[in-house]
Amino acid sequence: MSLVAELLTMPGVLAAGQFSYRGDRYSYQGNLDHETARLASIMCRATNMGAHMEGDMMGAFCSGDCGLLPIRGWTVSGPRYSVCVVANTFCFVDNDAASLNQVLHTMRKELADEPMEMV
């Protein structure tokens, strides 16, 4: 079973997919229409770039291994929904029905060997 398919079996997961670091391709499954998924992939890529830049900046202030780098992903949470991203995989969840800990644990475990460098 693919990670996207596995995420979709979890309670509260609305949609999941992948985006390319170049920004020209994406795929998804779940409760999003095509245009929303396209915009979501653009947002995820742009936010990923920002998170990596901020991580690099914070890393410059650390002496030695501060435990922050390399950036593995990010999460943003609103009152009803959250977006979780690890590597180039995204997941949209309903906060009242999902466990962010479980979703992130699954994503981090399955994507542990994925390269984190943005190409």
Protein backbone atom coordinates (compact mmCIF):
# COMPACT_ATOMS: atom_id res chain seq x y z
CA MET A 1 0.00 0.00 0.00
CA SER A 2 1.34 3.44 -0.88
CA LEU A 3 1.81 6.04 1.83
CA VAL A 4 -0.95 8.21 0.33
CA ALA A 5 -3.36 5.27 0.38
CA GLU A 6 -2.32 4.42 3.95
CA LEU A 7 -2.89 8.00 5.12
CA LEU A 8 -6.36 8.00 3.58
CA THR A 9 -7.35 5.03 5.77
CA MET A 10 -6.57 7.03 8.93
CA PRO A 11 -9.45 8.75 10.78
CA GLY A 12 -9.86 12.41 9.87
CA VAL A 13 -7.57 12.42 6.84
CA LEU A 14 -9.33 14.34 4.07
CA ALA A 15 -6.74 14.15 1.30
CA ALA A 16 -3.11 13.29 0.72
CA GLY A 17 -0.71 13.55 -2.16
CA GLN A 18 2.70 14.46 -3.43
CA PHE A 19 4.19 17.52 -5.11
CA SER A 20 7.37 17.99 -7.09
CA TYR A 21 10.06 20.27 -5.78
CA ARG A 22 10.19 21.90 -9.23
CA GLY A 23 6.52 22.79 -8.94
CA ASP A 24 5.42 21.30 -12.24
CA ARG A 25 3.73 18.08 -11.09
CA TYR A 26 1.52 16.78 -8.30
CA SER A 27 -0.76 13.86 -7.49
CA TYR A 28 -3.43 13.43 -4.85
CA GLN A 29 -6.26 11.28 -3.59
CA GLY A 30 -9.15 12.20 -1.36
CA ASN A 31 -11.67 14.96 -0.86
CA LEU A 32 -10.18 17.78 -2.96
CA ASP A 33 -11.21 18.97 -6.39
CA HIS A 34 -8.55 19.22 -9.09
CA GLU A 35 -8.06 23.00 -8.83
CA THR A 36 -7.85 22.97 -5.02
CA ALA A 37 -5.29 20.15 -5.18
CA ARG A 38 -3.24 22.12 -7.73
CA LEU A 39 -3.26 25.20 -5.51
CA ALA A 40 -2.49 23.08 -2.44
CA SER A 41 0.56 21.59 -4.14
CA ILE A 42 1.81 25.10 -5.01
CA MET A 43 1.25 26.23 -1.41
CA CYS A 44 3.03 23.17 -0.02
CA ARG A 45 6.03 23.67 -2.29
CA ALA A 46 6.31 27.38 -1.45
CA THR A 47 5.96 26.76 2.30
CA ASN A 48 8.49 23.94 2.09
CA MET A 49 10.99 26.33 0.52
CA GLY A 50 10.38 28.85 3.31
CA ALA A 51 10.72 26.21 6.04
CA HIS A 52 14.02 25.02 4.60
CA MET A 53 15.33 28.59 4.40
CA GLU A 54 14.29 29.32 7.99
CA GLY A 55 15.84 26.06 9.16
CA ASP A 56 19.12 26.97 7.47
CA MET A 57 19.03 30.39 9.15
CA MET A 58 18.37 28.85 12.59
CA GLY A 59 21.08 26.26 11.96
CA ALA A 60 23.58 29.06 11.42
CA PHE A 61 23.04 30.10 15.06
CA CYS A 62 23.56 26.60 16.47
CA SER A 63 26.96 25.34 17.42
CA GLY A 64 27.24 21.71 16.45
CA ASP A 65 24.13 19.56 16.11
CA CYS A 66 21.14 21.49 17.40
CA GLY A 67 18.62 18.82 16.34
CA LEU A 68 16.85 21.08 13.88
CA LEU A 69 18.59 20.19 10.64
CA PRO A 70 17.91 18.79 8.20
CA ILE A 71 14.33 20.02 8.07
CA ARG A 72 12.10 16.95 7.69
CA GLY A 73 8.75 18.70 7.28
CA TRP A 74 6.27 21.17 8.71
CA THR A 75 2.69 21.46 9.93
CA VAL A 76 0.27 24.35 9.96
CA SER A 77 -2.90 24.11 11.99
CA GLY A 78 -6.04 26.22 11.80
CA PRO A 79 -9.21 26.02 13.88
CA ARG A 80 -10.74 23.19 11.80
CA TYR A 81 -8.06 21.80 9.51
CA SER A 82 -4.32 21.15 9.45
CA VAL A 83 -1.79 20.48 6.74
CA CYS A 84 1.13 18.16 7.41
CA VAL A 85 4.10 17.91 5.03
CA VAL A 86 7.09 15.58 5.21
CA ALA A 87 9.52 15.54 2.27
CA ASN A 88 7.25 16.14 -0.72
CA THR A 89 4.15 14.41 0.68
CA PHE A 90 1.19 16.41 2.01
CA CYS A 91 -1.80 15.43 4.11
CA PHE A 92 -4.92 17.49 4.94
CA VAL A 93 -6.70 16.54 8.15
CA ASP A 94 -9.83 17.44 10.09
CA ASN A 95 -8.57 18.48 13.54
CA ASP A 96 -11.60 17.09 15.38
CA ALA A 97 -11.36 13.63 13.81
CA ALA A 98 -7.63 13.06 13.29
CA SER A 99 -4.60 12.51 15.48
CA LEU A 100 -1.81 14.77 14.21
CA ASN A 101 0.65 12.70 16.22
CA GLN A 102 -0.41 9.52 14.45
CA VAL A 103 -0.41 11.14 11.00
CA LEU A 104 3.05 12.69 11.49
CA HIS A 105 4.45 9.50 12.99
CA THR A 106 3.29 7.51 9.97
CA MET A 107 4.66 10.09 7.51
CA ARG A 108 8.03 10.37 9.26
CA LYS A 109 8.41 6.59 9.51
CA GLU A 110 7.51 5.94 5.87
CA LEU A 111 9.59 8.85 4.53
CA ALA A 112 12.62 8.41 6.81
CA ASP A 113 14.89 7.46 3.90
CA GLU A 114 13.62 10.13 1.50
CA PRO A 115 16.19 12.74 0.58
CA MET A 116 15.27 16.08 2.13
CA GLU A 117 17.27 18.28 -0.21
CA MET A 118 15.08 20.45 -2.37
CA VAL A 119 16.09 20.14 -6.01
